[in-house]
């Protein structure tokens, strides 16, 4: 990593983490068995090994997560907080969804993290048989903080920042 990338990372990493930690839900795009897309959302808790979500198999996105492990997730600035609706701050990742077995230590760790972050409702939901815990493991991603301010990020603690230099261009008059 060169000196410019180091400075960029030192400046942006705390900003990305603060933004990520300020969000309580993530938007997820899932695929069904026929590759039909569905967009939904879920409350999450972030642990060192991924984003944890507890979703019902009754919901379309819950069914999709059981059928297809490919997923896209997005954390996005609230419309009411945004200075420019076309340039809302956001963090997106391509990710892999893995179901966490109920009888595992990872299940208990994920449920504990969700309870801490989302409240006592997790105790009730986690006792329902149709709710499943998934670990969403981020891979490559994008952090957008405004017009012309997009940066690629990696899934492993958001270390690899590369400023995207290709910007918008005006249409030529005909």
C-alpha atoms as a PDB file:
ATOM      1  CA  UNK A   1       0.000   0.000   0.000  1.00  0.00           C
ATOM      2  CA  UNK A   2       1.450   3.381  -0.954  1.00  0.00           C
ATOM      3  CA  UNK A   3       1.570   6.470   1.244  1.00  0.00           C
ATOM      4  CA  UNK A   4      -1.542   8.069  -0.309  1.00  0.00           C
ATOM      5  CA  UNK A   5      -3.560   4.900   0.272  1.00  0.00           C
ATOM      6  CA  UNK A   6      -2.343   4.759   3.880  1.00  0.00           C
ATOM      7  CA  UNK A   7      -3.482   8.339   4.507  1.00  0.00           C
ATOM      8  CA  UNK A   8      -6.811   7.679   2.816  1.00  0.00           C
ATOM      9  CA  UNK A   9      -7.347   4.555   4.911  1.00  0.00           C
ATOM     10  CA  UNK A  10      -6.414   6.333   8.156  1.00  0.00           C
ATOM     11  CA  UNK A  11      -8.896   9.090   7.355  1.00  0.00           C
ATOM     12  CA  UNK A  12     -11.765   6.969   6.057  1.00  0.00           C
ATOM     13  CA  UNK A  13     -11.650   3.860   8.224  1.00  0.00           C
ATOM     14  CA  UNK A  14     -12.996   5.603  11.370  1.00  0.00           C
ATOM     15  CA  UNK A  15     -15.649   7.334   9.246  1.00  0.00           C
ATOM     16  CA  UNK A  16     -16.812   4.073   7.674  1.00  0.00           C
ATOM     17  CA  UNK A  17     -16.892   2.320  11.051  1.00  0.00           C
ATOM     18  CA  UNK A  18     -18.859   5.163  12.655  1.00  0.00           C
ATOM     19  CA  UNK A  19     -21.366   5.115   9.799  1.00  0.00           C
ATOM     20  CA  UNK A  20     -21.675   1.314   9.912  1.00  0.00           C
ATOM     21  CA  UNK A  21     -22.099   1.278  13.693  1.00  0.00           C
ATOM     22  CA  UNK A  22     -24.802   3.973  13.555  1.00  0.00           C
ATOM     23  CA  UNK A  23     -27.101   1.774  11.423  1.00  0.00           C
ATOM     24  CA  UNK A  24     -29.439  -0.727  13.081  1.00  0.00           C
ATOM     25  CA  UNK A  25     -30.797  -2.381   9.935  1.00  0.00           C
ATOM     26  CA  UNK A  26     -29.408  -3.467   6.614  1.00  0.00           C
ATOM     27  CA  UNK A  27     -31.083  -3.787   3.257  1.00  0.00           C
ATOM     28  CA  UNK A  28     -30.572  -7.151   1.607  1.00  0.00           C
ATOM     29  CA  UNK A  29     -31.070  -8.312  -1.941  1.00  0.00           C
ATOM     30  CA  UNK A  30     -31.680 -12.052  -2.112  1.00  0.00           C
ATOM     31  CA  UNK A  31     -32.351 -14.512  -4.931  1.00  0.00           C
ATOM     32  CA  UNK A  32     -34.869 -17.333  -5.050  1.00  0.00           C
ATOM     33  CA  UNK A  33     -34.207 -20.720  -6.645  1.00  0.00           C
ATOM     34  CA  UNK A  34     -35.071 -19.300 -10.079  1.00  0.00           C
ATOM     35  CA  UNK A  35     -32.734 -16.298  -9.572  1.00  0.00           C
ATOM     36  CA  UNK A  36     -35.651 -13.883  -9.112  1.00  0.00           C
ATOM     37  CA  UNK A  37     -34.490 -10.980  -6.939  1.00  0.00           C
ATOM     38  CA  UNK A  38     -36.136  -9.732  -3.764  1.00  0.00           C
ATOM     39  CA  UNK A  39     -35.207  -6.706  -1.667  1.00  0.00           C
ATOM     40  CA  UNK A  40     -35.963  -6.569   2.018  1.00  0.00           C
ATOM     41  CA  UNK A  41     -34.334  -5.493   5.266  1.00  0.00           C
ATOM     42  CA  UNK A  42     -33.374  -6.948   8.613  1.00  0.00           C
ATOM     43  CA  UNK A  43     -32.037  -5.690  11.929  1.00  0.00           C
ATOM     44  CA  UNK A  44     -28.440  -6.848  12.371  1.00  0.00           C
ATOM     45  CA  UNK A  45     -25.573  -7.223  14.794  1.00  0.00           C
ATOM     46  CA  UNK A  46     -21.987  -7.075  13.581  1.00  0.00           C
ATOM     47  CA  UNK A  47     -19.417  -9.477  14.980  1.00  0.00           C
ATOM     48  CA  UNK A  48     -15.819 -10.069  13.892  1.00  0.00           C
ATOM     49  CA  UNK A  49     -16.946 -12.876  11.557  1.00  0.00           C
ATOM     50  CA  UNK A  50     -19.854 -11.120   9.845  1.00  0.00           C
ATOM     51  CA  UNK A  51     -23.276  -9.515  10.092  1.00  0.00           C
ATOM     52  CA  UNK A  52     -25.873 -11.585  11.973  1.00  0.00           C
ATOM     53  CA  UNK A  53     -29.559 -11.452  11.058  1.00  0.00           C
ATOM     54  CA  UNK A  54     -32.492 -13.398  12.489  1.00  0.00           C
ATOM     55  CA  UNK A  55     -35.220 -13.902   9.891  1.00  0.00           C
ATOM     56  CA  UNK A  56     -38.342 -16.013   9.495  1.00  0.00           C
ATOM     57  CA  UNK A  57     -38.644 -18.705   6.855  1.00  0.00           C
ATOM     58  CA  UNK A  58     -42.191 -17.409   6.311  1.00  0.00           C
ATOM     59  CA  UNK A  59     -40.732 -14.209   4.811  1.00  0.00           C
ATOM     60  CA  UNK A  60     -39.633 -14.332   1.194  1.00  0.00           C
ATOM     61  CA  UNK A  61     -36.099 -13.216   2.033  1.00  0.00           C
ATOM     62  CA  UNK A  62     -35.901 -15.929   4.709  1.00  0.00           C
ATOM     63  CA  UNK A  63     -36.806 -18.579   2.148  1.00  0.00           C
ATOM     64  CA  UNK A  64     -34.339 -17.119  -0.325  1.00  0.00           C
ATOM     65  CA  UNK A  65     -31.479 -17.172   2.181  1.00  0.00           C
ATOM     66  CA  UNK A  66     -32.079 -20.891   2.680  1.00  0.00           C
ATOM     67  CA  UNK A  67     -31.949 -21.526  -1.082  1.00  0.00           C
ATOM     68  CA  UNK A  68     -29.213 -19.213  -2.333  1.00  0.00           C
ATOM     69  CA  UNK A  69     -26.148 -18.139  -0.369  1.00  0.00           C
ATOM     70  CA  UNK A  70     -25.352 -15.185  -2.660  1.00  0.00           C
ATOM     71  CA  UNK A  71     -26.583 -11.895  -1.255  1.00  0.00           C
ATOM     72  CA  UNK A  72     -25.989  -8.175  -1.517  1.00  0.00           C
ATOM     73  CA  UNK A  73     -26.295  -5.996   1.574  1.00  0.00           C
ATOM     74  CA  UNK A  74     -26.496  -2.242   2.004  1.00  0.00           C
ATOM     75  CA  UNK A  75     -26.389   0.093   4.969  1.00  0.00           C
ATOM     76  CA  UNK A  76     -27.747   3.475   3.907  1.00  0.00           C
ATOM     77  CA  UNK A  77     -28.174   6.915   5.374  1.00  0.00           C
ATOM     78  CA  UNK A  78     -31.747   7.769   6.325  1.00  0.00           C
ATOM     79  CA  UNK A  79     -33.496  10.066   3.850  1.00  0.00           C
ATOM     80  CA  UNK A  80     -34.204  12.570   6.629  1.00  0.00           C
ATOM     81  CA  UNK A  81     -30.490  12.776   7.492  1.00  0.00           C
ATOM     82  CA  UNK A  82     -29.291  13.224   3.920  1.00  0.00           C
ATOM     83  CA  UNK A  83     -28.252  16.608   2.559  1.00  0.00           C
ATOM     84  CA  UNK A  84     -28.642  15.338  -1.016  1.00  0.00           C
ATOM     85  CA  UNK A  85     -31.114  12.556  -1.815  1.00  0.00           C
ATOM     86  CA  UNK A  86     -29.111  11.521  -4.908  1.00  0.00           C
ATOM     87  CA  UNK A  87     -25.932  11.069  -2.899  1.00  0.00           C
ATOM     88  CA  UNK A  88     -26.976   9.327   0.292  1.00  0.00           C
ATOM     89  CA  UNK A  89     -24.091   7.886   2.267  1.00  0.00           C
ATOM     90  CA  UNK A  90     -24.029   4.097   1.930  1.00  0.00           C
ATOM     91  CA  UNK A  91     -21.963   0.979   2.414  1.00  0.00           C
ATOM     92  CA  UNK A  92     -22.660  -2.038   0.201  1.00  0.00           C
ATOM     93  CA  UNK A  93     -21.179  -5.517   0.039  1.00  0.00           C
ATOM     94  CA  UNK A  94     -21.468  -8.666  -1.972  1.00  0.00           C
ATOM     95  CA  UNK A  95     -21.724 -11.317   0.711  1.00  0.00           C
ATOM     96  CA  UNK A  96     -22.281 -14.981   1.479  1.00  0.00           C
ATOM     97  CA  UNK A  97     -25.139 -16.064   3.749  1.00  0.00           C
ATOM     98  CA  UNK A  98     -24.539 -19.070   5.982  1.00  0.00           C
ATOM     99  CA  UNK A  99     -27.216 -20.441   8.275  1.00  0.00           C
ATOM    100  CA  UNK A 100     -26.009 -20.857  11.859  1.00  0.00           C
ATOM    101  CA  UNK A 101     -27.123 -24.130  13.529  1.00  0.00           C
ATOM    102  CA  UNK A 102     -29.279 -23.637  16.641  1.00  0.00           C
ATOM    103  CA  UNK A 103     -27.216 -25.967  18.800  1.00  0.00           C
ATOM    104  CA  UNK A 104     -23.907 -24.210  18.147  1.00  0.00           C
ATOM    105  CA  UNK A 105     -21.840 -21.717  20.105  1.00  0.00           C
ATOM    106  CA  UNK A 106     -22.083 -19.375  17.099  1.00  0.00           C
ATOM    107  CA  UNK A 107     -25.889 -19.413  17.459  1.00  0.00           C
ATOM    108  CA  UNK A 108     -25.682 -18.308  21.077  1.00  0.00           C
ATOM    109  CA  UNK A 109     -23.014 -15.708  20.293  1.00  0.00           C
ATOM    110  CA  UNK A 110     -25.085 -14.306  17.392  1.00  0.00           C
ATOM    111  CA  UNK A 111     -28.307 -14.242  19.425  1.00  0.00           C
ATOM    112  CA  UNK A 112     -26.511 -12.542  22.332  1.00  0.00           C
ATOM    113  CA  UNK A 113     -25.118  -9.894  19.975  1.00  0.00           C
ATOM    114  CA  UNK A 114     -28.543  -9.305  18.432  1.00  0.00           C
ATOM    115  CA  UNK A 115     -30.176  -9.025  21.872  1.00  0.00           C
ATOM    116  CA  UNK A 116     -27.584  -6.489  22.981  1.00  0.00           C
ATOM    117  CA  UNK A 117     -28.077  -4.420  19.833  1.00  0.00           C
ATOM    118  CA  UNK A 118     -31.788  -4.885  19.114  1.00  0.00           C
ATOM    119  CA  UNK A 119     -33.375  -5.564  22.506  1.00  0.00           C
ATOM    120  CA  UNK A 120     -35.420  -8.206  24.285  1.00  0.00           C
ATOM    121  CA  UNK A 121     -37.567  -9.024  21.239  1.00  0.00           C
ATOM    122  CA  UNK A 122     -34.699 -11.298  20.176  1.00  0.00           C
ATOM    123  CA  UNK A 123     -35.474 -13.619  23.115  1.00  0.00           C
ATOM    124  CA  UNK A 124     -38.999 -14.168  21.782  1.00  0.00           C
ATOM    125  CA  UNK A 125     -38.080 -14.445  18.102  1.00  0.00           C
ATOM    126  CA  UNK A 126     -35.178 -16.818  18.667  1.00  0.00           C
ATOM    127  CA  UNK A 127     -37.551 -19.276  20.396  1.00  0.00           C
ATOM    128  CA  UNK A 128     -39.825 -19.497  17.343  1.00  0.00           C
ATOM    129  CA  UNK A 129     -39.136 -22.475  15.087  1.00  0.00           C
ATOM    130  CA  UNK A 130     -39.536 -20.534  11.841  1.00  0.00           C
ATOM    131  CA  UNK A 131     -36.775 -18.036  12.722  1.00  0.00           C
ATOM    132  CA  UNK A 132     -33.270 -18.803  11.491  1.00  0.00           C
ATOM    133  CA  UNK A 133     -29.989 -17.093  12.263  1.00  0.00           C
ATOM    134  CA  UNK A 134     -27.752 -16.245   9.313  1.00  0.00           C
ATOM    135  CA  UNK A 135     -24.185 -14.982   9.246  1.00  0.00           C
ATOM    136  CA  UNK A 136     -23.632 -12.666   6.280  1.00  0.00           C
ATOM    137  CA  UNK A 137     -19.942 -12.679   5.400  1.00  0.00           C
ATOM    138  CA  UNK A 138     -19.015  -9.567   3.404  1.00  0.00           C
ATOM    139  CA  UNK A 139     -16.605  -9.745   0.495  1.00  0.00           C
ATOM    140  CA  UNK A 140     -15.959  -6.825  -1.807  1.00  0.00           C
ATOM    141  CA  UNK A 141     -17.858  -3.644  -1.280  1.00  0.00           C
ATOM    142  CA  UNK A 142     -18.300   0.042  -1.935  1.00  0.00           C
ATOM    143  CA  UNK A 143     -18.456   3.013   0.414  1.00  0.00           C
ATOM    144  CA  UNK A 144     -20.129   6.100  -1.047  1.00  0.00           C
ATOM    145  CA  UNK A 145     -20.004   9.356   0.868  1.00  0.00           C
ATOM    146  CA  UNK A 146     -21.265  11.691  -1.852  1.00  0.00           C
ATOM    147  CA  UNK A 147     -20.957  12.659  -5.488  1.00  0.00           C
ATOM    148  CA  UNK A 148     -17.561  11.592  -6.829  1.00  0.00           C
ATOM    149  CA  UNK A 149     -16.652  10.143  -3.439  1.00  0.00           C
ATOM    150  CA  UNK A 150     -16.827   6.363  -3.855  1.00  0.00           C
ATOM    151  CA  UNK A 151     -14.280   3.939  -2.458  1.00  0.00           C
ATOM    152  CA  UNK A 152     -13.937   0.182  -2.816  1.00  0.00           C
ATOM    153  CA  UNK A 153     -13.659  -1.666   0.478  1.00  0.00           C
ATOM    154  CA  UNK A 154     -12.918  -5.224   1.490  1.00  0.00           C
ATOM    155  CA  UNK A 155     -15.012  -7.383   3.756  1.00  0.00           C
ATOM    156  CA  UNK A 156     -12.260  -8.042   6.288  1.00  0.00           C
ATOM    157  CA  UNK A 157     -12.721  -5.059   8.561  1.00  0.00           C
ATOM    158  CA  UNK A 158     -12.855  -2.625   5.626  1.00  0.00           C
ATOM    159  CA  UNK A 159      -9.105  -2.394   5.145  1.00  0.00           C
ATOM    160  CA  UNK A 160      -8.541  -1.988   1.400  1.00  0.00           C
ATOM    161  CA  UNK A 161      -9.571   1.470   0.234  1.00  0.00           C
ATOM    162  CA  UNK A 162      -9.192   2.476  -3.375  1.00  0.00           C
ATOM    163  CA  UNK A 163     -10.692   5.740  -4.556  1.00  0.00           C
ATOM    164  CA  UNK A 164     -12.761   5.268  -7.691  1.00  0.00           C
ATOM    165  CA  UNK A 165     -11.398   7.812 -10.139  1.00  0.00           C
ATOM    166  CA  UNK A 166     -13.865   7.395 -12.970  1.00  0.00           C
ATOM    167  CA  UNK A 167     -16.420  10.136 -12.485  1.00  0.00           C
ATOM    168  CA  UNK A 168     -19.623  11.367 -14.059  1.00  0.00           C
ATOM    169  CA  UNK A 169     -19.470  12.817 -17.553  1.00  0.00           C
ATOM    170  CA  UNK A 170     -21.654  15.279 -19.386  1.00  0.00           C
ATOM    171  CA  UNK A 171     -23.519  14.304 -22.512  1.00  0.00           C
ATOM    172  CA  UNK A 172     -22.114  15.856 -25.646  1.00  0.00           C
ATOM    173  CA  UNK A 173     -24.418  18.273 -27.420  1.00  0.00           C
ATOM    174  CA  UNK A 174     -25.785  16.800 -30.637  1.00  0.00           C
END
